[in-house]
Amino acid sequence: MPVQVTVWNENVHEQEEQAVAERYPDGIHGAIADAVAGDERTVRTATLQEPDHGLTESVLADTDVLLWWSHCANDEVTDEVADRVVDRVHEGMGFVPIHSGKNSKPFTRLMGTSCNIKYRHGGETERLWVADPGHPIVDGLPESFEIPATEMYGEPYDVPEPDRTVFISWFEGGEVFRSGVCYRRGRGRIFAFRPGHEEYPIFYQDEIRTVLDNAVEWAAPTDGSEAVWGEVEPAEPLED
């Protein structure tokens, strides 16, 4: 069966800023969807403006991996939809929050922290270093690569200690940041990836597209074993 991928985007900057619309004529969601498309995948997109933000129960039930880009409209996502996403992650759906998706309701609820950072605009160079060279998400990448211009994110990053830190970034102004981190929540895999500011053509860069493509492969659900919850009978006879 093909992996069912949903790419979610708040789709606000593309409607309000001409430069972003010209940079991403099919929306940021369109560029991300193109990066993760493949013969063994079915990719759909969804946006904030759709009913239920495009994330109905049936859509999420049919989603193996959800990629989530957001920036200025995190608070406009309803609690009902956010909880729906969190529940699906616990059930096994992969979740890939991108850039300011770290402050989305689903991610902050899954982390249980503010997920706050320090940041700076200005178009600095970012160098991403592979911190976990054996991880599947870095397949096909060199030990480091650069984004020529981007928004700076800096430590401290208010998230729980990651299961794996895949990338560490250095910025031209001197800051560093854990720019690719992995978690498990319930049966679901989470990969939070820092790059993707809307002012720059980051989602057309080959290395970024490779990361997203690999992340979908890694985050897709696995069969695992059956989970049993609640009150149960003893597996062995108990003496009265």
Protein backbone atom coordinates (compact mmCIF):
# COMPACT_ATOMS: atom_id res chain seq x y z
CA MET A 1 0.00 0.00 0.00
CA PRO A 2 1.31 3.50 -0.76
CA VAL A 3 2.18 5.77 2.15
CA GLN A 4 -0.60 8.33 2.62
CA VAL A 5 0.93 11.78 3.13
CA THR A 6 -0.89 14.99 4.07
CA VAL A 7 0.93 18.34 3.80
CA TRP A 8 -0.71 21.03 5.93
CA ASN A 9 -0.01 24.75 5.55
CA GLU A 10 -1.69 27.70 7.21
CA ASN A 11 -1.53 29.39 3.75
CA VAL A 12 -1.64 32.93 5.10
CA HIS A 13 1.56 34.59 3.86
CA GLU A 14 0.88 33.46 0.29
CA GLN A 15 -2.44 35.33 0.36
CA GLU A 16 -1.23 38.44 2.15
CA GLU A 17 2.30 38.99 0.79
CA GLN A 18 2.95 39.27 -2.94
CA ALA A 19 6.60 38.29 -2.61
CA VAL A 20 5.69 35.01 -0.91
CA ALA A 21 3.01 34.30 -3.51
CA GLU A 22 5.56 34.82 -6.28
CA ARG A 23 8.17 32.71 -4.49
CA TYR A 24 5.70 29.86 -3.90
CA PRO A 25 3.05 30.14 -6.63
CA ASP A 26 1.52 26.81 -5.58
CA GLY A 27 1.81 27.71 -1.92
CA ILE A 28 4.40 26.48 0.55
CA HIS A 29 2.30 23.34 0.82
CA GLY A 30 2.65 22.82 -2.92
CA ALA A 31 6.44 23.03 -2.76
CA ILE A 32 6.61 20.61 0.18
CA ALA A 33 4.17 18.22 -1.48
CA ASP A 34 6.35 18.19 -4.59
CA ALA A 35 9.42 17.43 -2.47
CA VAL A 36 7.86 14.34 -0.86
CA ALA A 37 5.96 12.96 -3.86
CA GLY A 38 6.89 9.48 -5.05
CA ASP A 39 5.63 6.34 -6.74
CA GLU A 40 4.95 4.66 -3.40
CA ARG A 41 3.12 7.64 -1.91
CA THR A 42 -0.20 9.42 -2.22
CA VAL A 43 0.16 13.09 -1.30
CA ARG A 44 -2.68 15.49 -0.50
CA THR A 45 -2.59 19.05 0.85
CA ALA A 46 -4.77 20.84 3.38
CA THR A 47 -4.89 24.46 4.60
CA LEU A 48 -6.17 26.49 7.52
CA GLN A 49 -8.99 28.03 5.48
CA GLU A 50 -10.77 24.74 4.71
CA PRO A 51 -13.54 23.32 6.90
CA ASP A 52 -11.87 21.66 9.89
CA HIS A 53 -8.66 23.15 8.41
CA GLY A 54 -8.75 20.28 5.93
CA LEU A 55 -8.01 17.82 8.74
CA THR A 56 -11.28 16.03 9.21
CA GLU A 57 -11.44 12.76 11.09
CA SER A 58 -11.61 10.86 7.82
CA VAL A 59 -8.59 12.69 6.33
CA LEU A 60 -6.47 12.04 9.41
CA ALA A 61 -7.61 8.44 9.61
CA ASP A 62 -6.28 8.07 6.06
CA THR A 63 -2.96 9.85 6.80
CA ASP A 64 0.22 7.94 7.57
CA VAL A 65 2.45 11.03 7.82
CA LEU A 66 1.37 14.63 8.41
CA LEU A 67 3.81 17.44 7.51
CA TRP A 68 2.85 20.74 9.13
CA TRP A 69 4.09 24.22 8.12
CA SER A 70 2.88 27.21 10.09
CA HIS A 71 4.08 30.60 11.25
CA CYS A 72 1.70 33.44 12.09
CA ALA A 73 -1.62 31.61 12.56
CA ASN A 74 -0.84 28.88 15.07
CA ASP A 75 -3.49 30.19 17.47
CA GLU A 76 -6.18 30.08 14.76
CA VAL A 77 -6.15 26.28 14.69
CA THR A 78 -9.09 25.03 16.73
CA ASP A 79 -8.47 22.99 19.84
CA GLU A 80 -10.67 20.24 18.42
CA VAL A 81 -8.48 19.81 15.34
CA ALA A 82 -5.26 20.06 17.36
CA ASP A 83 -6.45 17.32 19.72
CA ARG A 84 -7.47 15.23 16.72
CA VAL A 85 -3.92 15.44 15.36
CA VAL A 86 -2.40 14.58 18.76
CA ASP A 87 -4.66 11.54 19.08
CA ARG A 88 -3.63 10.29 15.64
CA VAL A 89 0.05 10.65 16.51
CA HIS A 90 -0.51 8.52 19.60
CA GLU A 91 -2.23 5.98 17.36
CA GLY A 92 0.80 5.82 15.05
CA MET A 93 0.62 8.65 12.51
CA GLY A 94 3.99 10.26 11.76
CA PHE A 95 4.20 14.01 12.40
CA VAL A 96 6.74 16.42 10.85
CA PRO A 97 6.37 20.01 12.11
CA ILE A 98 8.43 22.37 9.95
CA HIS A 99 9.86 25.79 10.89
CA SER A 100 7.37 27.60 13.17
CA GLY A 101 5.30 24.45 13.25
CA LYS A 102 7.29 24.00 16.47
CA ASN A 103 4.81 26.44 18.04
CA SER A 104 1.76 24.73 16.60
CA LYS A 105 -0.85 23.47 19.02
CA PRO A 106 -0.28 19.81 18.13
CA PHE A 107 3.50 19.98 18.66
CA THR A 108 3.41 21.95 21.92
CA ARG A 109 0.79 19.55 23.28
CA LEU A 110 2.85 16.55 22.27
CA MET A 111 5.95 18.07 23.89
CA GLY A 112 4.25 19.46 27.00
CA THR A 113 6.48 22.57 26.89
CA SER A 114 6.40 26.06 25.35
CA CYS A 115 8.84 25.09 22.52
CA ASN A 116 10.09 28.69 22.64
CA ILE A 117 13.36 29.86 21.09
CA LYS A 118 15.31 33.03 20.42
CA TYR A 119 15.21 34.30 16.82
CA ARG A 120 16.41 37.04 14.50
CA HIS A 121 15.39 38.14 11.01
CA GLY A 122 17.94 39.31 8.49
CA GLY A 123 18.90 36.62 5.99
CA GLU A 124 21.91 35.00 7.66
CA THR A 125 23.71 31.92 6.39
CA GLU A 126 22.86 28.71 8.24
CA ARG A 127 25.12 25.67 8.25
CA LEU A 128 23.41 22.43 9.21
CA TRP A 129 25.70 19.75 10.61
CA VAL A 130 24.67 16.10 10.61
CA ALA A 131 24.81 15.11 14.28
CA ASP A 132 23.59 11.53 13.79
CA PRO A 133 25.23 10.19 10.60
CA GLY A 134 23.60 6.77 10.89
CA HIS A 135 20.06 8.10 11.02
CA PRO A 136 17.78 7.33 8.02
CA ILE A 137 16.73 10.98 7.75
CA VAL A 138 20.27 11.95 6.64
CA ASP A 139 20.57 9.33 3.88
CA GLY A 140 22.24 10.87 0.83
CA LEU A 141 23.46 14.03 2.61
CA PRO A 142 27.01 15.31 3.16
CA GLU A 143 28.25 15.91 6.70
CA SER A 144 27.08 19.53 6.46
CA PHE A 145 25.32 21.85 4.05
CA GLU A 146 24.38 25.54 3.98
CA ILE A 147 21.23 27.56 3.51
CA PRO A 148 22.44 30.85 2.01
CA ALA A 149 19.86 33.10 3.72
CA THR A 150 17.35 32.34 6.43
CA GLU A 151 15.84 33.40 9.75
CA MET A 152 17.98 32.58 12.79
CA TYR A 153 16.72 30.26 15.52
CA GLY A 154 18.87 30.01 18.65
CA GLU A 155 19.14 28.02 21.84
CA PRO A 156 17.76 27.55 24.40
CA TYR A 157 15.02 25.53 22.72
CA ASP A 158 12.32 24.71 25.26
CA VAL A 159 11.58 21.13 24.28
CA PRO A 160 12.10 17.85 26.14
CA GLU A 161 15.40 16.07 25.59
CA PRO A 162 15.08 14.54 22.10
CA ASP A 163 15.28 10.81 21.49
CA ARG A 164 17.74 11.67 18.70
CA THR A 165 19.29 14.95 17.60
CA VAL A 166 19.76 14.60 13.84
CA PHE A 167 20.94 18.13 12.92
CA ILE A 168 22.66 20.96 14.74
CA SER A 169 22.75 24.35 13.03
CA TRP A 170 25.27 27.16 13.25
CA PHE A 171 24.31 30.67 12.13
CA GLU A 172 26.38 33.51 10.77
CA GLY A 173 25.70 35.56 13.90
CA GLY A 174 27.21 32.85 16.10
CA GLU A 175 24.18 31.05 17.52
CA VAL A 176 23.58 27.30 17.38
CA PHE A 177 20.33 25.33 17.37
CA ARG A 178 19.10 21.73 17.50
CA SER A 179 17.51 22.01 14.07
CA GLY A 180 16.35 18.41 13.57
CA VAL A 181 15.06 16.41 16.55
CA CYS A 182 13.15 13.13 16.87
CA TYR A 183 10.60 11.91 19.40
CA ARG A 184 8.19 9.04 19.96
CA ARG A 185 4.76 9.72 21.38
CA GLY A 186 2.58 6.65 21.76
CA ARG A 187 3.04 4.68 18.54
CA GLY A 188 3.86 7.78 16.46
CA ARG A 189 7.20 9.17 15.31
CA ILE A 190 7.88 12.92 15.30
CA PHE A 191 10.61 14.82 13.47
CA ALA A 192 10.75 18.58 14.08
CA PHE A 193 12.76 20.38 11.37
CA ARG A 194 13.80 24.03 11.71
CA PRO A 195 14.38 25.41 8.15
CA GLY A 196 11.59 26.85 6.03
CA HIS A 197 11.08 30.57 6.56
CA GLU A 198 8.66 31.95 3.97
CA GLU A 199 10.91 34.87 2.94
CA TYR A 200 13.42 32.52 1.28
CA PRO A 201 13.22 29.77 -1.40
CA ILE A 202 14.33 27.10 1.07
CA PHE A 203 11.90 24.40 -0.06
CA TYR A 204 13.48 24.35 -3.52
CA GLN A 205 16.92 23.48 -2.12
CA ASP A 206 17.94 19.90 -2.88
CA GLU A 207 19.24 19.07 0.60
CA ILE A 208 16.05 20.31 2.28
CA ARG A 209 13.91 18.29 -0.09
CA THR A 210 16.04 15.22 0.64
CA VAL A 211 15.52 15.69 4.37
CA LEU A 212 11.74 15.97 4.00
CA ASP A 213 11.59 12.97 1.67
CA ASN A 214 13.63 10.88 4.11
CA ALA A 215 11.57 12.11 7.06
CA VAL A 216 8.35 10.83 5.49
CA GLU A 217 9.94 7.42 4.99
CA TRP A 218 11.18 7.33 8.59
CA ALA A 219 7.99 8.64 10.20
CA ALA A 220 5.59 6.30 8.38
CA PRO A 221 3.81 3.89 10.74
CA THR A 222 5.14 0.41 11.38
CA ASP A 223 3.02 -2.60 12.26
CA GLY A 224 4.45 -3.19 15.72
CA SER A 225 2.46 -5.34 18.12
CA GLU A 226 -1.03 -5.05 19.51
CA ALA A 227 -1.48 -2.61 22.40
CA VAL A 228 -3.98 -3.62 25.07
CA TRP A 229 -5.35 -0.97 27.43
CA GLY A 230 -7.56 -0.99 30.49
CA GLU A 231 -8.53 -3.77 32.87
CA VAL A 232 -7.46 -7.26 31.78
CA GLU A 233 -7.68 -10.81 32.96
CA PRO A 234 -4.46 -12.39 34.29
CA ALA A 235 -2.25 -14.12 31.74
CA GLU A 236 -1.63 -16.94 34.24
CA PRO A 237 -4.10 -18.51 36.71
CA LEU A 238 -4.15 -16.80 40.09
CA GLU A 239 -4.75 -18.67 43.33
CA ASP A 240 -7.78 -17.61 45.30
